[in-house]
PDB file of N, CA and C in Angstrom:
ATOM      1  N   MET A   1      14.939 -90.838  18.087  1.00  0.00           N
ATOM      2  CA  MET A   1      15.301 -91.018  16.639  1.00  0.00           C
ATOM      3  C   MET A   1      14.332 -89.837  15.891  1.00  0.00           C
ATOM      4  N   PRO A   2      15.170 -88.518  15.204  1.00  0.00           N
ATOM      5  CA  PRO A   2      14.399 -87.828  14.801  1.00  0.00           C
ATOM      6  C   PRO A   2      13.867 -88.488  13.466  1.00  0.00           C
ATOM      7  N   THR A   3      13.223 -87.988  13.075  1.00  0.00           N
ATOM      8  CA  THR A   3      12.470 -88.638  11.605  1.00  0.00           C
ATOM      9  C   THR A   3      11.704 -87.325  10.842  1.00  0.00           C
ATOM     10  N   LEU A   4      11.320 -87.369   9.759  1.00  0.00           N
ATOM     11  CA  LEU A   4      11.161 -86.337   8.537  1.00  0.00           C
ATOM     12  C   LEU A   4      10.203 -85.799   9.650  1.00  0.00           C
ATOM     13  N   LEU A   5       9.042 -86.316  10.156  1.00  0.00           N
ATOM     14  CA  LEU A   5       7.779 -85.447  10.921  1.00  0.00           C
ATOM     15  C   LEU A   5       8.048 -84.393  11.823  1.00  0.00           C
ATOM     16  N   HIS A   6       9.736 -84.726  12.407  1.00  0.00           N
ATOM     17  CA  HIS A   6       9.959 -83.714  13.142  1.00  0.00           C
ATOM     18  C   HIS A   6      10.929 -82.834  12.893  1.00  0.00           C
ATOM     19  N   ASN A   7      11.362 -82.274  11.152  1.00  0.00           N
ATOM     20  CA  ASN A   7      11.713 -82.152  11.042  1.00  0.00           C
ATOM     21  C   ASN A   7      11.343 -80.565  10.130  1.00  0.00           C
ATOM     22  N   VAL A   8      11.782 -79.444  11.094  1.00  0.00           N
ATOM     23  CA  VAL A   8      10.952 -78.167  11.292  1.00  0.00           C
ATOM     24  C   VAL A   8      11.378 -77.531   9.855  1.00  0.00           C
ATOM     25  N   THR A   9      12.871 -77.241   9.653  1.00  0.00           N
ATOM     26  CA  THR A   9      13.152 -76.805   8.286  1.00  0.00           C
ATOM     27  C   THR A   9      12.444 -77.445   7.178  1.00  0.00           C
ATOM     28  N   HIS A  10      12.455 -78.897   6.764  1.00  0.00           N
ATOM     29  CA  HIS A  10      11.466 -79.218   6.006  1.00  0.00           C
ATOM     30  C   HIS A  10      10.331 -78.529   5.826  1.00  0.00           C
ATOM     31  N   TRP A  11       9.369 -79.226   6.796  1.00  0.00           N
ATOM     32  CA  TRP A  11       7.881 -78.712   7.033  1.00  0.00           C
ATOM     33  C   TRP A  11       7.727 -77.164   6.279  1.00  0.00           C
ATOM     34  N   ARG A  12       8.616 -76.016   6.913  1.00  0.00           N
ATOM     35  CA  ARG A  12       8.618 -74.721   6.720  1.00  0.00           C
ATOM     36  C   ARG A  12       9.011 -74.570   5.554  1.00  0.00           C
ATOM     37  N   ASN A  13       9.997 -74.761   4.931  1.00  0.00           N
ATOM     38  CA  ASN A  13       9.893 -74.508   3.191  1.00  0.00           C
ATOM     39  C   ASN A  13       9.278 -75.397   2.806  1.00  0.00           C
ATOM     40  N   ARG A  14       8.499 -76.497   2.835  1.00  0.00           N
ATOM     41  CA  ARG A  14       7.042 -77.239   2.351  1.00  0.00           C
ATOM     42  C   ARG A  14       6.219 -76.056   2.057  1.00  0.00           C
ATOM     43  N   ALA A  15       6.077 -75.151   3.257  1.00  0.00           N
ATOM     44  CA  ALA A  15       4.815 -74.384   3.536  1.00  0.00           C
ATOM     45  C   ALA A  15       5.057 -72.996   2.259  1.00  0.00           C
ATOM     46  N   GLU A  16       6.477 -72.629   2.615  1.00  0.00           N
ATOM     47  CA  GLU A  16       7.114 -71.507   1.705  1.00  0.00           C
ATOM     48  C   GLU A  16       6.876 -72.027   0.429  1.00  0.00           C
ATOM     49  N   GLU A  17       7.065 -73.313  -0.060  1.00  0.00           N
ATOM     50  CA  GLU A  17       7.091 -73.395  -1.654  1.00  0.00           C
ATOM     51  C   GLU A  17       5.142 -73.542  -1.808  1.00  0.00           C
ATOM     52  N   ALA A  18       4.126 -74.014  -1.044  1.00  0.00           N
ATOM     53  CA  ALA A  18       3.110 -74.137  -1.468  1.00  0.00           C
ATOM     54  C   ALA A  18       2.512 -72.561  -1.759  1.00  0.00           C
ATOM     55  N   ARG A  19       3.064 -71.904  -0.808  1.00  0.00           N
ATOM     56  CA  ARG A  19       2.365 -70.325  -0.646  1.00  0.00           C
ATOM     57  C   ARG A  19       2.954 -69.774  -2.255  1.00  0.00           C
ATOM     58  N   ALA A  20       4.115 -70.286  -2.680  1.00  0.00           N
ATOM     59  CA  ALA A  20       4.492 -69.935  -3.425  1.00  0.00           C
ATOM     60  C   ALA A  20       3.882 -70.085  -5.058  1.00  0.00           C
ATOM     61  N   ASP A  21       3.628 -71.265  -4.900  1.00  0.00           N
ATOM     62  CA  ASP A  21       3.045 -72.010  -5.926  1.00  0.00           C
ATOM     63  C   ASP A  21       1.460 -71.629  -6.173  1.00  0.00           C
ATOM     64  N   ALA A  22       0.994 -71.175  -5.019  1.00  0.00           N
ATOM     65  CA  ALA A  22      -0.665 -70.489  -4.943  1.00  0.00           C
ATOM     66  C   ALA A  22      -0.434 -69.140  -5.702  1.00  0.00           C
ATOM     67  N   GLY A  23       0.723 -68.537  -5.750  1.00  0.00           N
ATOM     68  CA  GLY A  23       0.487 -66.973  -6.202  1.00  0.00           C
ATOM     69  C   GLY A  23       0.601 -67.291  -7.827  1.00  0.00           C
ATOM     70  N   GLN A  24       0.915 -68.457  -7.971  1.00  0.00           N
ATOM     71  CA  GLN A  24       1.026 -68.655  -9.852  1.00  0.00           C
ATOM     72  C   GLN A  24      -0.545 -69.112 -10.390  1.00  0.00           C
ATOM     73  N   PHE A  25      -1.268 -69.613  -9.525  1.00  0.00           N
ATOM     74  CA  PHE A  25      -2.490 -70.081  -9.957  1.00  0.00           C
ATOM     75  C   PHE A  25      -3.497 -68.783 -10.417  1.00  0.00           C
ATOM     76  N   THR A  26      -4.077 -68.896 -11.697  1.00  0.00           N
ATOM     77  CA  THR A  26      -5.163 -67.746 -12.167  1.00  0.00           C
ATOM     78  C   THR A  26      -6.506 -68.093 -11.672  1.00  0.00           C
ATOM     79  N   ASP A  27      -6.941 -69.457 -11.188  1.00  0.00           N
ATOM     80  CA  ASP A  27      -7.967 -70.208 -10.534  1.00  0.00           C
ATOM     81  C   ASP A  27      -8.044 -70.027  -9.335  1.00  0.00           C
ATOM     82  N   ARG A  28      -9.347 -69.091  -8.482  1.00  0.00           N
ATOM     83  CA  ARG A  28      -9.475 -68.678  -7.535  1.00  0.00           C
ATOM     84  C   ARG A  28      -9.742 -70.160  -6.516  1.00  0.00           C
ATOM     85  N   GLU A  29      -9.863 -70.755  -7.136  1.00  0.00           N
ATOM     86  CA  GLU A  29     -10.212 -72.330  -5.959  1.00  0.00           C
ATOM     87  C   GLU A  29      -9.261 -72.970  -6.158  1.00  0.00           C
ATOM     88  N   ALA A  30      -7.861 -73.588  -6.883  1.00  0.00           N
ATOM     89  CA  ALA A  30      -6.993 -74.002  -6.866  1.00  0.00           C
ATOM     90  C   ALA A  30      -5.736 -72.919  -6.056  1.00  0.00           C
ATOM     91  N   GLU A  31      -5.985 -71.721  -6.100  1.00  0.00           N
ATOM     92  CA  GLU A  31      -5.286 -70.874  -5.098  1.00  0.00           C
ATOM     93  C   GLU A  31      -5.114 -71.337  -3.735  1.00  0.00           C
ATOM     94  N   ARG A  32      -6.655 -71.291  -3.287  1.00  0.00           N
ATOM     95  CA  ARG A  32      -7.320 -71.791  -1.638  1.00  0.00           C
ATOM     96  C   ARG A  32      -6.643 -72.915  -1.583  1.00  0.00           C
ATOM     97  N   ILE A  33      -7.098 -73.913  -2.379  1.00  0.00           N
ATOM     98  CA  ILE A  33      -6.498 -75.076  -1.940  1.00  0.00           C
ATOM     99  C   ILE A  33      -5.022 -75.340  -1.494  1.00  0.00           C
ATOM    100  N   MET A  34      -4.128 -74.662  -2.210  1.00  0.00           N
ATOM    101  CA  MET A  34      -2.734 -74.687  -2.140  1.00  0.00           C
ATOM    102  C   MET A  34      -2.762 -73.675  -1.054  1.00  0.00           C
ATOM    103  N   ARG A  35      -3.279 -72.848  -0.503  1.00  0.00           N
ATOM    104  CA  ARG A  35      -2.819 -72.048   0.498  1.00  0.00           C
ATOM    105  C   ARG A  35      -3.432 -72.636   2.085  1.00  0.00           C
ATOM    106  N   THR A  36      -4.311 -73.511   1.235  1.00  0.00           N
ATOM    107  CA  THR A  36      -5.002 -74.363   2.701  1.00  0.00           C
ATOM    108  C   THR A  36      -3.884 -75.585   2.912  1.00  0.00           C
ATOM    109  N   ILE A  37      -3.394 -75.776   1.958  1.00  0.00           N
ATOM    110  CA  ILE A  37      -1.818 -77.164   2.183  1.00  0.00           C
ATOM    111  C   ILE A  37      -1.210 -76.504   2.529  1.00  0.00           C
ATOM    112  N   ALA A  38      -0.673 -75.417   2.699  1.00  0.00           N
ATOM    113  CA  ALA A  38       0.540 -74.443   3.307  1.00  0.00           C
ATOM    114  C   ALA A  38      -0.044 -74.752   4.587  1.00  0.00           C
ATOM    115  N   GLU A  39      -1.213 -73.808   4.997  1.00  0.00           N
ATOM    116  CA  GLU A  39      -1.431 -74.090   6.421  1.00  0.00           C
ATOM    117  C   GLU A  39      -1.451 -75.034   7.190  1.00  0.00           C
ATOM    118  N   GLY A  40      -1.572 -76.384   6.496  1.00  0.00           N
ATOM    119  CA  GLY A  40      -1.301 -77.762   6.644  1.00  0.00           C
ATOM    120  C   GLY A  40       0.293 -77.940   7.202  1.00  0.00           C
ATOM    121  N   TYR A  41       0.953 -77.535   6.264  1.00  0.00           N
ATOM    122  CA  TYR A  41       2.097 -77.594   6.757  1.00  0.00           C
ATOM    123  C   TYR A  41       3.008 -76.627   7.809  1.00  0.00           C
ATOM    124  N   ASP A  42       2.183 -75.560   8.000  1.00  0.00           N
ATOM    125  CA  ASP A  42       2.341 -74.702   8.958  1.00  0.00           C
ATOM    126  C   ASP A  42       1.797 -75.520  10.232  1.00  0.00           C
ATOM    127  N   LYS A  43       0.901 -76.031  10.453  1.00  0.00           N
ATOM    128  CA  LYS A  43       0.559 -77.309  11.723  1.00  0.00           C
ATOM    129  C   LYS A  43       1.960 -77.858  11.904  1.00  0.00           C
ATOM    130  N   LEU A  44       2.035 -78.915  11.015  1.00  0.00           N
ATOM    131  CA  LEU A  44       3.691 -79.494  10.809  1.00  0.00           C
ATOM    132  C   LEU A  44       4.661 -78.901  11.654  1.00  0.00           C
ATOM    133  N   VAL A  45       5.021 -78.007  10.909  1.00  0.00           N
ATOM    134  CA  VAL A  45       5.982 -76.847  11.708  1.00  0.00           C
ATOM    135  C   VAL A  45       5.554 -76.880  13.190  1.00  0.00           C
ATOM    136  N   GLN A  46       4.308 -76.381  13.888  1.00  0.00           N
ATOM    137  CA  GLN A  46       4.474 -76.246  15.459  1.00  0.00           C
ATOM    138  C   GLN A  46       4.081 -77.635  15.384  1.00  0.00           C
ATOM    139  N   HIS A  47       4.424 -78.804  15.252  1.00  0.00           N
ATOM    140  CA  HIS A  47       3.982 -79.827  15.847  1.00  0.00           C
ATOM    141  C   HIS A  47       5.627 -80.447  15.836  1.00  0.00           C
ATOM    142  N   ALA A  48       6.624 -79.699  14.713  1.00  0.00           N
ATOM    143  CA  ALA A  48       7.734 -80.773  15.008  1.00  0.00           C
ATOM    144  C   ALA A  48       8.821 -79.482  16.030  1.00  0.00           C
ATOM    145  N   GLU A  49       8.398 -78.009  15.962  1.00  0.00           N
ATOM    146  CA  GLU A  49       9.038 -77.311  17.068  1.00  0.00           C
ATOM    147  C   GLU A  49       8.384 -77.608  18.287  1.00  0.00           C
ATOM    148  N   HIS A  50       7.439 -78.430  18.608  1.00  0.00           N
ATOM    149  CA  HIS A  50       7.039 -78.467  20.082  1.00  0.00           C
ATOM    150  C   HIS A  50       7.891 -79.955  20.137  1.00  0.00           C
ATOM    151  N   ARG A  51       7.560 -81.025  19.420  1.00  0.00           N
ATOM    152  CA  ARG A  51       8.600 -82.387  19.707  1.00  0.00           C
ATOM    153  C   ARG A  51      10.027 -81.743  20.012  1.00  0.00           C
ATOM    154  N   ALA A  52      10.342 -80.813  19.460  1.00  0.00           N
ATOM    155  CA  ALA A  52      11.905 -80.456  19.872  1.00  0.00           C
ATOM    156  C   ALA A  52      12.047 -80.049  21.205  1.00  0.00           C
ATOM    157  N   GLU A  53      11.200 -79.514  21.409  1.00  0.00           N
ATOM    158  CA  GLU A  53      11.541 -79.244  23.051  1.00  0.00           C
ATOM    159  C   GLU A  53      11.789 -80.402  23.981  1.00  0.00           C
ATOM    160  N   PRO A  54      12.887 -79.711  24.939  1.00  0.00           N
ATOM    161  CA  PRO A  54      13.165 -80.823  25.736  1.00  0.00           C
ATOM    162  C   PRO A  54      11.754 -81.346  27.022  1.00  0.00           C
ATOM    163  N   PRO A  55      11.969 -82.691  27.258  1.00  0.00           N
ATOM    164  CA  PRO A  55      10.676 -83.134  28.017  1.00  0.00           C
ATOM    165  C   PRO A  55      10.489 -82.392  29.083  1.00  0.00           C
ATOM    166  N   GLU A  56      11.923 -81.725  29.760  1.00  0.00           N
ATOM    167  CA  GLU A  56      11.710 -81.267  30.861  1.00  0.00           C
ATOM    168  C   GLU A  56      11.235 -79.619  30.744  1.00  0.00           C
ATOM    169  N   LEU A  57      11.034 -78.955  29.316  1.00  0.00           N
ATOM    170  CA  LEU A  57      10.488 -77.892  29.124  1.00  0.00           C
ATOM    171  C   LEU A  57       9.126 -78.190  29.003  1.00  0.00           C
ATOM    172  N   ASN A  58       8.879 -79.245  28.589  1.00  0.00           N
ATOM    173  CA  ASN A  58       7.547 -79.775  27.853  1.00  0.00           C
ATOM    174  C   ASN A  58       7.149 -80.850  28.424  1.00  0.00           C
ATOM    175  N   PRO A  59       6.460 -80.783  29.350  1.00  0.00           N
ATOM    176  CA  PRO A  59       6.133 -82.256  29.895  1.00  0.00           C
ATOM    177  C   PRO A  59       4.982 -82.612  29.273  1.00  0.00           C
ATOM    178  N   THR A  60       3.954 -82.146  28.685  1.00  0.00           N
ATOM    179  CA  THR A  60       3.159 -82.264  27.889  1.00  0.00           C
ATOM    180  C   THR A  60       3.255 -82.959  26.355  1.00  0.00           C
ATOM    181  N   ARG A  61       4.490 -83.014  26.146  1.00  0.00           N
ATOM    182  CA  ARG A  61       5.182 -83.676  24.924  1.00  0.00           C
ATOM    183  C   ARG A  61       4.689 -84.678  24.211  1.00  0.00           C
ATOM    184  N   TYR A  62       4.205 -85.239  24.933  1.00  0.00           N
ATOM    185  CA  TYR A  62       4.165 -87.177  24.917  1.00  0.00           C
ATOM    186  C   TYR A  62       2.316 -87.457  24.574  1.00  0.00           C
ATOM    187  N   TRP A  63       1.875 -86.164  25.065  1.00  0.00           N
ATOM    188  CA  TRP A  63       0.708 -86.110  25.128  1.00  0.00           C
ATOM    189  C   TRP A  63       0.077 -85.113  23.660  1.00  0.00           C
ATOM    190  N   TYR A  64       0.985 -84.599  22.943  1.00  0.00           N
ATOM    191  CA  TYR A  64       0.365 -83.839  22.034  1.00  0.00           C
ATOM    192  C   TYR A  64      -0.266 -84.785  20.545  1.00  0.00           C
ATOM    193  N   TRP A  65      -0.902 -83.979  20.359  1.00  0.00           N
ATOM    194  CA  TRP A  65      -1.901 -84.325  19.190  1.00  0.00           C
ATOM    195  C   TRP A  65      -2.090 -85.700  19.185  1.00  0.00           C
TER     196      TRP A  65
END
């Protein structure tokens, strides 16, 4: 059953939003933190993409993360 964790579009959008928000900060540390958050969302995108592959194309799917 698909869950939010496996929703590539959701996490990709969140990463884009975080990067856009980072560009609004004047404080360098706040911007850095927001970009780090965006990178975390990028990892969730990778995870979701990996999980979306059919098991026959990705036999390691169930051992990922």
